[in-house]
Amino acid sequence: MPSPKRLEFPDFAGMQEGWKLYLKEMPTVIGETAVNFFKDSFNRQGFIDKSFERWTPRKDKLQHKILMKSLYLQNSIQVVEANYQRVVVAPVLGTRHDYAKIHNEGGTVSIPITAKSKKFFWYMFKKTNDGKWKAMALTKKTTLQITIPKRQFIGNSEFLMKRLEMSNKITINKIIEKHFK
């Protein structure tokens, strides 16, 4: 009579340690993935939610990509909070939160026209001989209204959530497979 096969039990203690490590590292990994995803919006020149939404092209003929001359906005995206309950990623700009918001959501900005700004307009007119600067220097308006188009770079993204879900499933399966030999 053949001897009965011995069954191996899963390494539950090892699995528990793997699970603890996963829960400890998961918020950091999710935060880094989200930061990279949102920063890539600048390179893609658009945002991916359910589908890709390209940014409105600029009106001038400058060579650099939109919102990438100084990289100020792109480099401001950071993990603000990360724990096992939630991960928050946002632009950290100090007192310039409105700068990120107007570019991300679009809208109208009112800029007061001062004596100093009129001097700048005259300087630009003399430098470029472009009539728009002369018109701005001679204007009787007290504010300048500028419409900023929506160029979303951060926000809820179905695509990112699916990517994070898939990544988490793969990691969890690796923990289980490692301890169920």
N, C-alpha and C. Protein backbone atom coordinates (compact mmCIF):
# COMPACT_ATOMS: atom_id res chain seq x y z
N MET A 1 0.84 -1.17 0.00
CA MET A 1 0.00 0.00 0.00
C MET A 1 0.89 1.24 0.00
N PRO A 2 0.63 2.14 -0.97
CA PRO A 2 1.48 3.34 -1.04
C PRO A 2 1.22 4.25 0.17
N SER A 3 2.29 4.93 0.54
CA SER A 3 2.17 5.83 1.69
C SER A 3 1.40 7.10 1.27
N PRO A 4 0.58 7.62 2.19
CA PRO A 4 -0.20 8.81 1.82
C PRO A 4 0.71 10.01 1.59
N LYS A 5 0.30 10.83 0.63
CA LYS A 5 1.07 12.04 0.33
C LYS A 5 0.90 13.04 1.46
N ARG A 6 1.98 13.67 1.77
CA ARG A 6 1.94 14.68 2.82
C ARG A 6 1.54 16.02 2.19
N LEU A 7 0.54 16.65 2.74
CA LEU A 7 0.09 17.95 2.23
C LEU A 7 0.90 19.07 2.88
N GLU A 8 1.32 19.99 2.06
CA GLU A 8 2.04 21.16 2.57
C GLU A 8 1.02 22.27 2.81
N PHE A 9 1.08 22.84 3.98
CA PHE A 9 0.21 23.97 4.29
C PHE A 9 0.90 25.25 3.82
N PRO A 10 0.09 26.19 3.40
CA PRO A 10 0.68 27.48 3.01
C PRO A 10 1.39 28.13 4.19
N ASP A 11 2.36 28.95 3.85
CA ASP A 11 3.12 29.68 4.86
C ASP A 11 2.31 30.91 5.26
N PHE A 12 1.35 30.71 6.19
CA PHE A 12 0.47 31.80 6.57
C PHE A 12 1.23 32.92 7.29
N ALA A 13 2.23 32.58 8.07
CA ALA A 13 3.01 33.60 8.77
C ALA A 13 3.77 34.46 7.76
N GLY A 14 4.37 33.81 6.76
CA GLY A 14 5.08 34.55 5.70
C GLY A 14 4.12 35.41 4.89
N MET A 15 2.92 34.86 4.63
CA MET A 15 1.92 35.61 3.89
C MET A 15 1.49 36.85 4.68
N GLN A 16 1.35 36.69 5.99
CA GLN A 16 0.96 37.81 6.84
C GLN A 16 2.03 38.90 6.80
N GLU A 17 3.30 38.50 6.84
CA GLU A 17 4.40 39.47 6.77
C GLU A 17 4.40 40.17 5.40
N GLY A 18 4.17 39.40 4.34
CA GLY A 18 4.09 39.98 2.99
C GLY A 18 2.94 40.97 2.88
N TRP A 19 1.82 40.63 3.49
CA TRP A 19 0.65 41.50 3.47
C TRP A 19 0.92 42.80 4.24
N LYS A 20 1.58 42.68 5.41
CA LYS A 20 1.92 43.87 6.20
C LYS A 20 2.85 44.79 5.41
N LEU A 21 3.85 44.20 4.75
CA LEU A 21 4.78 44.99 3.95
C LEU A 21 4.05 45.67 2.79
N TYR A 22 3.15 44.94 2.15
CA TYR A 22 2.35 45.49 1.05
C TYR A 22 1.53 46.69 1.53
N LEU A 23 0.84 46.54 2.67
CA LEU A 23 0.02 47.64 3.19
C LEU A 23 0.87 48.84 3.58
N LYS A 24 2.09 48.59 4.03
CA LYS A 24 2.98 49.68 4.42
C LYS A 24 3.49 50.43 3.19
N GLU A 25 3.85 49.70 2.14
CA GLU A 25 4.46 50.30 0.95
C GLU A 25 3.43 50.76 -0.09
N MET A 26 2.24 50.18 -0.07
CA MET A 26 1.23 50.46 -1.10
C MET A 26 0.93 51.95 -1.27
N PRO A 27 0.69 52.72 -0.20
CA PRO A 27 0.38 54.14 -0.40
C PRO A 27 1.50 54.90 -1.11
N THR A 28 2.75 54.59 -0.78
CA THR A 28 3.88 55.25 -1.42
C THR A 28 3.94 54.91 -2.90
N VAL A 29 3.76 53.64 -3.22
CA VAL A 29 3.79 53.20 -4.63
C VAL A 29 2.64 53.84 -5.41
N ILE A 30 1.46 53.86 -4.83
CA ILE A 30 0.30 54.48 -5.49
C ILE A 30 0.57 55.97 -5.70
N GLY A 31 1.09 56.64 -4.68
CA GLY A 31 1.39 58.07 -4.78
C GLY A 31 2.40 58.36 -5.87
N GLU A 32 3.49 57.59 -5.92
CA GLU A 32 4.52 57.79 -6.95
C GLU A 32 3.97 57.53 -8.34
N THR A 33 3.14 56.50 -8.47
CA THR A 33 2.52 56.20 -9.77
C THR A 33 1.63 57.35 -10.22
N ALA A 34 0.83 57.88 -9.30
CA ALA A 34 -0.07 58.99 -9.64
C ALA A 34 0.73 60.25 -9.99
N VAL A 35 1.76 60.56 -9.22
CA VAL A 35 2.59 61.74 -9.52
C VAL A 35 3.17 61.63 -10.92
N ASN A 36 3.74 60.48 -11.25
CA ASN A 36 4.33 60.28 -12.58
C ASN A 36 3.28 60.38 -13.68
N PHE A 37 2.10 59.83 -13.43
CA PHE A 37 1.01 59.90 -14.40
C PHE A 37 0.62 61.36 -14.67
N PHE A 38 0.45 62.14 -13.60
CA PHE A 38 0.05 63.54 -13.76
C PHE A 38 1.16 64.37 -14.40
N LYS A 39 2.40 64.10 -14.04
CA LYS A 39 3.52 64.83 -14.66
C LYS A 39 3.62 64.51 -16.15
N ASP A 40 3.28 63.28 -16.52
CA ASP A 40 3.31 62.90 -17.93
C ASP A 40 2.29 63.67 -18.76
N SER A 41 1.26 64.25 -18.11
CA SER A 41 0.29 65.07 -18.83
C SER A 41 0.99 66.21 -19.56
N PHE A 42 2.05 66.74 -18.97
CA PHE A 42 2.78 67.85 -19.59
C PHE A 42 3.51 67.37 -20.84
N ASN A 43 4.10 66.18 -20.78
CA ASN A 43 4.79 65.64 -21.95
C ASN A 43 3.80 65.24 -23.05
N ARG A 44 2.65 64.70 -22.63
CA ARG A 44 1.61 64.30 -23.59
C ARG A 44 0.87 65.50 -24.15
N GLN A 45 0.93 66.65 -23.42
CA GLN A 45 0.20 67.86 -23.79
C GLN A 45 -1.30 67.59 -23.79
N GLY A 46 -1.74 66.83 -22.78
CA GLY A 46 -3.16 66.53 -22.62
C GLY A 46 -3.36 65.62 -21.42
N PHE A 47 -4.62 65.33 -21.12
CA PHE A 47 -4.97 64.55 -19.93
C PHE A 47 -5.76 63.33 -20.35
N ILE A 48 -5.53 62.22 -19.66
CA ILE A 48 -6.27 60.98 -19.93
C ILE A 48 -7.21 60.71 -18.77
N ASP A 49 -8.52 60.71 -19.06
CA ASP A 49 -9.52 60.26 -18.10
C ASP A 49 -10.07 58.96 -18.67
N LYS A 50 -11.20 59.03 -19.34
CA LYS A 50 -11.71 57.86 -20.07
C LYS A 50 -11.02 57.78 -21.43
N SER A 51 -10.69 58.95 -21.97
CA SER A 51 -9.96 59.03 -23.23
C SER A 51 -9.01 60.21 -23.15
N PHE A 52 -8.16 60.35 -24.14
CA PHE A 52 -7.16 61.42 -24.16
C PHE A 52 -7.81 62.73 -24.61
N GLU A 53 -7.59 63.79 -23.82
CA GLU A 53 -8.11 65.11 -24.16
C GLU A 53 -6.90 66.04 -24.37
N ARG A 54 -6.61 66.33 -25.64
CA ARG A 54 -5.47 67.18 -25.98
C ARG A 54 -5.73 68.62 -25.54
N TRP A 55 -4.65 69.29 -25.10
CA TRP A 55 -4.76 70.69 -24.69
C TRP A 55 -4.98 71.59 -25.90
N THR A 56 -5.67 72.71 -25.64
CA THR A 56 -5.85 73.73 -26.66
C THR A 56 -4.48 74.28 -27.05
N PRO A 57 -4.18 74.35 -28.35
CA PRO A 57 -2.86 74.88 -28.75
C PRO A 57 -2.71 76.35 -28.36
N ARG A 58 -1.48 76.78 -28.18
CA ARG A 58 -1.22 78.18 -27.84
C ARG A 58 -1.36 79.05 -29.09
N LYS A 59 -1.57 80.34 -28.86
CA LYS A 59 -1.76 81.28 -29.96
C LYS A 59 -0.44 81.83 -30.47
N ASP A 60 0.58 81.87 -29.60
CA ASP A 60 1.86 82.41 -30.04
C ASP A 60 2.68 81.33 -30.75
N LYS A 61 3.85 81.69 -31.19
CA LYS A 61 4.68 80.77 -31.97
C LYS A 61 5.92 80.30 -31.19
N LEU A 62 5.84 80.31 -29.87
CA LEU A 62 6.97 79.88 -29.05
C LEU A 62 7.27 78.40 -29.28
N GLN A 63 8.53 78.02 -29.14
CA GLN A 63 8.97 76.66 -29.46
C GLN A 63 8.73 75.65 -28.35
N HIS A 64 8.77 76.08 -27.09
CA HIS A 64 8.64 75.12 -25.99
C HIS A 64 7.20 74.62 -25.89
N LYS A 65 7.03 73.43 -25.30
CA LYS A 65 5.69 72.87 -25.11
C LYS A 65 4.89 73.73 -24.14
N ILE A 66 3.57 73.61 -24.21
CA ILE A 66 2.68 74.38 -23.35
C ILE A 66 2.94 74.03 -21.89
N LEU A 67 3.00 75.05 -21.04
CA LEU A 67 3.20 74.94 -19.58
C LEU A 67 4.52 74.25 -19.21
N MET A 68 5.51 74.30 -20.12
CA MET A 68 6.77 73.61 -19.82
C MET A 68 8.01 74.49 -19.92
N LYS A 69 7.84 75.80 -20.00
CA LYS A 69 9.01 76.65 -20.12
C LYS A 69 9.87 76.60 -18.85
N SER A 70 9.25 76.77 -17.70
CA SER A 70 10.02 76.77 -16.45
C SER A 70 9.89 75.43 -15.70
N LEU A 71 8.93 74.60 -16.08
CA LEU A 71 8.62 73.34 -15.40
C LEU A 71 8.13 73.54 -13.97
N TYR A 72 7.80 74.78 -13.63
CA TYR A 72 7.36 75.14 -12.28
C TYR A 72 6.12 74.35 -11.88
N LEU A 73 5.13 74.33 -12.76
CA LEU A 73 3.87 73.66 -12.46
C LEU A 73 4.06 72.14 -12.43
N GLN A 74 4.76 71.61 -13.41
CA GLN A 74 4.99 70.16 -13.47
C GLN A 74 5.75 69.66 -12.25
N ASN A 75 6.78 70.38 -11.85
CA ASN A 75 7.60 69.96 -10.71
C ASN A 75 6.90 70.17 -9.38
N SER A 76 5.80 70.90 -9.37
CA SER A 76 5.08 71.15 -8.11
C SER A 76 4.19 69.98 -7.70
N ILE A 77 3.96 69.02 -8.60
CA ILE A 77 3.06 67.90 -8.30
C ILE A 77 3.77 66.94 -7.35
N GLN A 78 3.15 66.73 -6.18
CA GLN A 78 3.76 65.90 -5.14
C GLN A 78 2.69 65.11 -4.39
N VAL A 79 3.13 64.09 -3.68
CA VAL A 79 2.25 63.36 -2.77
C VAL A 79 2.11 64.22 -1.53
N VAL A 80 0.89 64.63 -1.22
CA VAL A 80 0.61 65.47 -0.06
C VAL A 80 0.30 64.62 1.16
N GLU A 81 -0.39 63.50 0.94
CA GLU A 81 -0.77 62.60 2.03
C GLU A 81 -0.78 61.18 1.49
N ALA A 82 -0.24 60.24 2.26
CA ALA A 82 -0.24 58.84 1.83
C ALA A 82 -0.35 57.94 3.05
N ASN A 83 -1.48 57.26 3.16
CA ASN A 83 -1.65 56.24 4.18
C ASN A 83 -2.54 55.15 3.57
N TYR A 84 -2.80 54.09 4.33
CA TYR A 84 -3.55 52.97 3.74
C TYR A 84 -5.01 53.31 3.47
N GLN A 85 -5.50 54.44 3.98
CA GLN A 85 -6.88 54.84 3.74
C GLN A 85 -7.03 55.73 2.51
N ARG A 86 -6.03 56.59 2.26
CA ARG A 86 -6.12 57.47 1.10
C ARG A 86 -4.75 58.01 0.72
N VAL A 87 -4.66 58.36 -0.57
CA VAL A 87 -3.45 58.98 -1.11
C VAL A 87 -3.90 60.26 -1.80
N VAL A 88 -3.25 61.39 -1.46
CA VAL A 88 -3.59 62.68 -2.05
C VAL A 88 -2.37 63.20 -2.79
N VAL A 89 -2.57 63.51 -4.07
CA VAL A 89 -1.53 64.09 -4.91
C VAL A 89 -2.03 65.45 -5.38
N ALA A 90 -1.20 66.48 -5.26
CA ALA A 90 -1.63 67.83 -5.63
C ALA A 90 -0.42 68.68 -5.98
N PRO A 91 -0.65 69.78 -6.71
CA PRO A 91 0.45 70.73 -6.92
C PRO A 91 0.72 71.49 -5.63
N VAL A 92 1.96 71.56 -5.24
CA VAL A 92 2.34 72.27 -4.02
C VAL A 92 3.09 73.53 -4.47
N LEU A 93 2.38 74.65 -4.47
CA LEU A 93 2.92 75.89 -5.02
C LEU A 93 3.01 77.00 -3.98
N GLY A 94 2.90 76.68 -2.74
CA GLY A 94 2.90 77.72 -1.72
C GLY A 94 1.63 78.55 -1.84
N THR A 95 1.78 79.84 -2.03
CA THR A 95 0.62 80.73 -2.12
C THR A 95 0.09 80.83 -3.55
N ARG A 96 0.65 80.09 -4.49
CA ARG A 96 0.26 80.20 -5.91
C ARG A 96 -0.71 79.11 -6.33
N HIS A 97 -1.57 78.65 -5.41
CA HIS A 97 -2.54 77.60 -5.71
C HIS A 97 -3.46 78.01 -6.87
N ASP A 98 -3.81 79.29 -6.94
CA ASP A 98 -4.69 79.78 -8.00
C ASP A 98 -4.06 79.60 -9.38
N TYR A 99 -2.73 79.65 -9.46
CA TYR A 99 -2.01 79.46 -10.72
C TYR A 99 -2.27 78.07 -11.29
N ALA A 100 -2.16 77.05 -10.44
CA ALA A 100 -2.41 75.68 -10.88
C ALA A 100 -3.88 75.49 -11.23
N LYS A 101 -4.76 76.02 -10.40
CA LYS A 101 -6.20 75.83 -10.60
C LYS A 101 -6.68 76.43 -11.93
N ILE A 102 -6.24 77.64 -12.26
CA ILE A 102 -6.72 78.30 -13.48
C ILE A 102 -6.22 77.55 -14.72
N HIS A 103 -5.02 77.01 -14.68
CA HIS A 103 -4.53 76.24 -15.82
C HIS A 103 -5.22 74.88 -15.92
N ASN A 104 -5.50 74.25 -14.79
CA ASN A 104 -6.13 72.93 -14.78
C ASN A 104 -7.60 73.00 -15.18
N GLU A 105 -8.31 74.04 -14.73
CA GLU A 105 -9.76 74.14 -14.96
C GLU A 105 -10.14 75.16 -16.03
N GLY A 106 -9.24 76.08 -16.36
CA GLY A 106 -9.56 77.15 -17.29
C GLY A 106 -10.35 78.24 -16.59
N GLY A 107 -10.48 79.39 -17.25
CA GLY A 107 -11.25 80.47 -16.67
C GLY A 107 -10.72 81.82 -17.10
N THR A 108 -11.20 82.87 -16.46
CA THR A 108 -10.81 84.23 -16.79
C THR A 108 -10.07 84.84 -15.61
N VAL A 109 -8.99 85.55 -15.93
CA VAL A 109 -8.18 86.22 -14.93
C VAL A 109 -8.27 87.72 -15.15
N SER A 110 -8.47 88.46 -14.09
CA SER A 110 -8.49 89.93 -14.16
C SER A 110 -7.17 90.45 -13.62
N ILE A 111 -6.45 91.19 -14.46
CA ILE A 111 -5.16 91.75 -14.06
C ILE A 111 -5.30 93.26 -14.03
N PRO A 112 -5.01 93.88 -12.90
CA PRO A 112 -5.12 95.35 -12.83
C PRO A 112 -4.03 96.01 -13.69
N ILE A 113 -4.41 97.06 -14.40
CA ILE A 113 -3.45 97.81 -15.20
C ILE A 113 -2.97 98.99 -14.36
N THR A 114 -1.68 98.96 -14.04
CA THR A 114 -1.08 99.98 -13.19
C THR A 114 -0.13 100.84 -14.03
N ALA A 115 0.39 101.89 -13.42
CA ALA A 115 1.38 102.74 -14.10
C ALA A 115 2.61 101.90 -14.47
N LYS A 116 2.98 100.98 -13.58
CA LYS A 116 4.14 100.12 -13.84
C LYS A 116 3.89 99.20 -15.05
N SER A 117 2.67 98.64 -15.14
CA SER A 117 2.38 97.76 -16.27
C SER A 117 2.34 98.56 -17.57
N LYS A 118 1.85 99.82 -17.52
CA LYS A 118 1.84 100.65 -18.74
C LYS A 118 3.26 100.95 -19.20
N LYS A 119 4.19 101.16 -18.26
CA LYS A 119 5.61 101.34 -18.62
C LYS A 119 6.13 100.10 -19.33
N PHE A 120 5.75 98.93 -18.80
CA PHE A 120 6.17 97.67 -19.43
C PHE A 120 5.61 97.57 -20.84
N PHE A 121 4.33 97.92 -21.03
CA PHE A 121 3.72 97.85 -22.37
C PHE A 121 4.47 98.77 -23.34
N TRP A 122 4.84 100.00 -22.90
CA TRP A 122 5.60 100.91 -23.76
C TRP A 122 6.96 100.30 -24.09
N TYR A 123 7.61 99.72 -23.09
CA TYR A 123 8.91 99.08 -23.31
C TYR A 123 8.78 97.98 -24.38
N MET A 124 7.76 97.16 -24.25
CA MET A 124 7.57 96.06 -25.21
C MET A 124 7.23 96.60 -26.60
N PHE A 125 6.48 97.69 -26.68
CA PHE A 125 6.17 98.30 -27.97
C PHE A 125 7.44 98.79 -28.65
N LYS A 126 8.31 99.47 -27.88
CA LYS A 126 9.56 99.99 -28.45
C LYS A 126 10.49 98.86 -28.86
N LYS A 127 10.45 97.78 -28.09
CA LYS A 127 11.33 96.64 -28.37
C LYS A 127 10.86 95.85 -29.60
N THR A 128 9.52 95.63 -29.72
CA THR A 128 9.00 94.76 -30.77
C THR A 128 8.30 95.50 -31.91
N ASN A 129 7.92 96.75 -31.67
CA ASN A 129 7.15 97.54 -32.64
C ASN A 129 5.82 96.86 -32.99
N ASP A 130 5.31 96.09 -32.05
CA ASP A 130 4.03 95.39 -32.21
C ASP A 130 2.92 96.28 -31.68
N GLY A 131 1.93 96.58 -32.52
CA GLY A 131 0.84 97.49 -32.17
C GLY A 131 0.01 97.07 -30.98
N LYS A 132 -0.03 95.78 -30.66
CA LYS A 132 -0.84 95.36 -29.51
C LYS A 132 -0.30 95.95 -28.21
N TRP A 133 1.04 96.09 -28.11
CA TRP A 133 1.64 96.66 -26.90
C TRP A 133 1.29 98.15 -26.79
N LYS A 134 1.27 98.85 -27.93
CA LYS A 134 0.90 100.27 -27.91
C LYS A 134 -0.55 100.43 -27.48
N ALA A 135 -1.42 99.57 -28.01
CA ALA A 135 -2.84 99.63 -27.65
C ALA A 135 -3.02 99.37 -26.15
N MET A 136 -2.26 98.44 -25.61
CA MET A 136 -2.36 98.14 -24.18
C MET A 136 -1.82 99.31 -23.34
N ALA A 137 -0.77 99.99 -23.83
CA ALA A 137 -0.21 101.12 -23.10
C ALA A 137 -1.16 102.32 -23.11
N LEU A 138 -1.94 102.46 -24.17
CA LEU A 138 -2.85 103.60 -24.30
C LEU A 138 -4.27 103.33 -23.80
N THR A 139 -4.53 102.11 -23.39
CA THR A 139 -5.89 101.75 -22.99
C THR A 139 -6.37 102.56 -21.78
N LYS A 140 -7.66 102.81 -21.75
CA LYS A 140 -8.27 103.51 -20.61
C LYS A 140 -8.82 102.51 -19.59
N LYS A 141 -8.75 101.21 -19.91
CA LYS A 141 -9.24 100.18 -19.01
C LYS A 141 -8.39 100.13 -17.74
N THR A 142 -9.01 99.74 -16.66
CA THR A 142 -8.28 99.60 -15.40
C THR A 142 -7.91 98.15 -15.11
N THR A 143 -8.54 97.23 -15.82
CA THR A 143 -8.19 95.80 -15.69
C THR A 143 -8.10 95.17 -17.06
N LEU A 144 -7.30 94.14 -17.14
CA LEU A 144 -7.13 93.38 -18.36
C LEU A 144 -7.71 91.99 -18.11
N GLN A 145 -8.66 91.57 -18.95
CA GLN A 145 -9.29 90.26 -18.82
C GLN A 145 -8.58 89.27 -19.74
N ILE A 146 -8.05 88.20 -19.16
CA ILE A 146 -7.36 87.17 -19.95
C ILE A 146 -8.08 85.85 -19.73
N THR A 147 -8.46 85.21 -20.84
CA THR A 147 -9.12 83.90 -20.76
C THR A 147 -8.07 82.81 -20.93
N ILE A 148 -7.96 81.96 -19.93
CA ILE A 148 -7.02 80.84 -19.94
C ILE A 148 -7.82 79.59 -20.29
N PRO A 149 -7.45 78.88 -21.37
CA PRO A 149 -8.19 77.66 -21.71
C PRO A 149 -7.89 76.54 -20.72
N LYS A 150 -8.83 75.62 -20.59
CA LYS A 150 -8.64 74.46 -19.71
C LYS A 150 -7.54 73.59 -20.29
N ARG A 151 -6.52 73.35 -19.47
CA ARG A 151 -5.44 72.43 -19.83
C ARG A 151 -5.22 71.52 -18.64
N GLN A 152 -6.14 70.58 -18.47
CA GLN A 152 -6.13 69.71 -17.30
C GLN A 152 -4.89 68.84 -17.29
N PHE A 153 -4.23 68.81 -16.15
CA PHE A 153 -3.05 67.96 -15.97
C PHE A 153 -3.19 67.06 -14.75
N ILE A 154 -4.19 67.35 -13.89
CA ILE A 154 -4.37 66.56 -12.67
C ILE A 154 -5.87 66.48 -12.37
N GLY A 155 -6.30 65.38 -11.80
CA GLY A 155 -7.71 65.20 -11.46
C GLY A 155 -8.09 63.74 -11.50
N ASN A 156 -9.37 63.46 -11.36
CA ASN A 156 -9.85 62.08 -11.40
C ASN A 156 -9.61 61.52 -12.80
N SER A 157 -9.08 60.30 -12.83
CA SER A 157 -8.78 59.65 -14.11
C SER A 157 -9.16 58.18 -14.02
N GLU A 158 -10.12 57.81 -14.83
CA GLU A 158 -10.53 56.40 -14.89
C GLU A 158 -9.37 55.53 -15.35
N PHE A 159 -8.59 56.03 -16.30
CA PHE A 159 -7.44 55.30 -16.82
C PHE A 159 -6.42 55.02 -15.70
N LEU A 160 -6.10 56.03 -14.90
CA LEU A 160 -5.15 55.86 -13.80
C LEU A 160 -5.70 54.88 -12.77
N MET A 161 -6.97 54.97 -12.44
CA MET A 161 -7.56 54.06 -11.45
C MET A 161 -7.49 52.61 -11.93
N LYS A 162 -7.73 52.37 -13.21
CA LYS A 162 -7.62 51.01 -13.75
C LYS A 162 -6.18 50.52 -13.68
N ARG A 163 -5.25 51.40 -13.98
CA ARG A 163 -3.83 51.04 -13.92
C ARG A 163 -3.43 50.68 -12.49
N LEU A 164 -3.87 51.47 -11.52
CA LEU A 164 -3.55 51.19 -10.11
C LEU A 164 -4.20 49.89 -9.64
N GLU A 165 -5.44 49.67 -10.06
CA GLU A 165 -6.15 48.45 -9.67
C GLU A 165 -5.43 47.22 -10.21
N MET A 166 -5.01 47.29 -11.47
CA MET A 166 -4.32 46.16 -12.09
C MET A 166 -2.97 45.91 -11.38
N SER A 167 -2.25 46.98 -11.07
CA SER A 167 -0.97 46.86 -10.38
C SER A 167 -1.15 46.24 -9.00
N ASN A 168 -2.19 46.66 -8.27
CA ASN A 168 -2.45 46.09 -6.95
C ASN A 168 -2.82 44.62 -7.03
N LYS A 169 -3.62 44.24 -8.01
CA LYS A 169 -3.99 42.82 -8.17
C LYS A 169 -2.76 41.96 -8.43
N ILE A 170 -1.86 42.45 -9.28
CA ILE A 170 -0.64 41.70 -9.59
C ILE A 170 0.20 41.53 -8.33
N THR A 171 0.35 42.59 -7.55
CA THR A 171 1.15 42.53 -6.32
C THR A 171 0.54 41.56 -5.31
N ILE A 172 -0.77 41.62 -5.14
CA ILE A 172 -1.45 40.72 -4.20
C ILE A 172 -1.30 39.27 -4.65
N ASN A 173 -1.45 39.01 -5.94
CA ASN A 173 -1.29 37.65 -6.47
C ASN A 173 0.13 37.14 -6.25
N LYS A 174 1.13 38.01 -6.37
CA LYS A 174 2.51 37.60 -6.13
C LYS A 174 2.71 37.20 -4.67
N ILE A 175 2.11 37.96 -3.76
CA ILE A 175 2.22 37.62 -2.32
C ILE A 175 1.59 36.25 -2.07
N ILE A 176 0.42 36.01 -2.63
CA ILE A 176 -0.28 34.74 -2.43
C ILE A 176 0.50 33.59 -3.04
N GLU A 177 0.95 33.74 -4.28
CA GLU A 177 1.68 32.67 -4.96
C GLU A 177 2.98 32.33 -4.24
N LYS A 178 3.65 33.34 -3.70
CA LYS A 178 4.93 33.12 -3.03
C LYS A 178 4.76 32.20 -1.81
N HIS A 179 3.61 32.27 -1.15
CA HIS A 179 3.44 31.53 0.10
C HIS A 179 2.52 30.32 -0.07
N PHE A 180 2.04 30.07 -1.27
CA PHE A 180 1.24 28.87 -1.55
C PHE A 180 2.02 27.98 -2.50
N LYS A 181 3.13 27.46 -2.05
CA LYS A 181 3.98 26.64 -2.92
C LYS A 181 3.52 25.23 -3.02
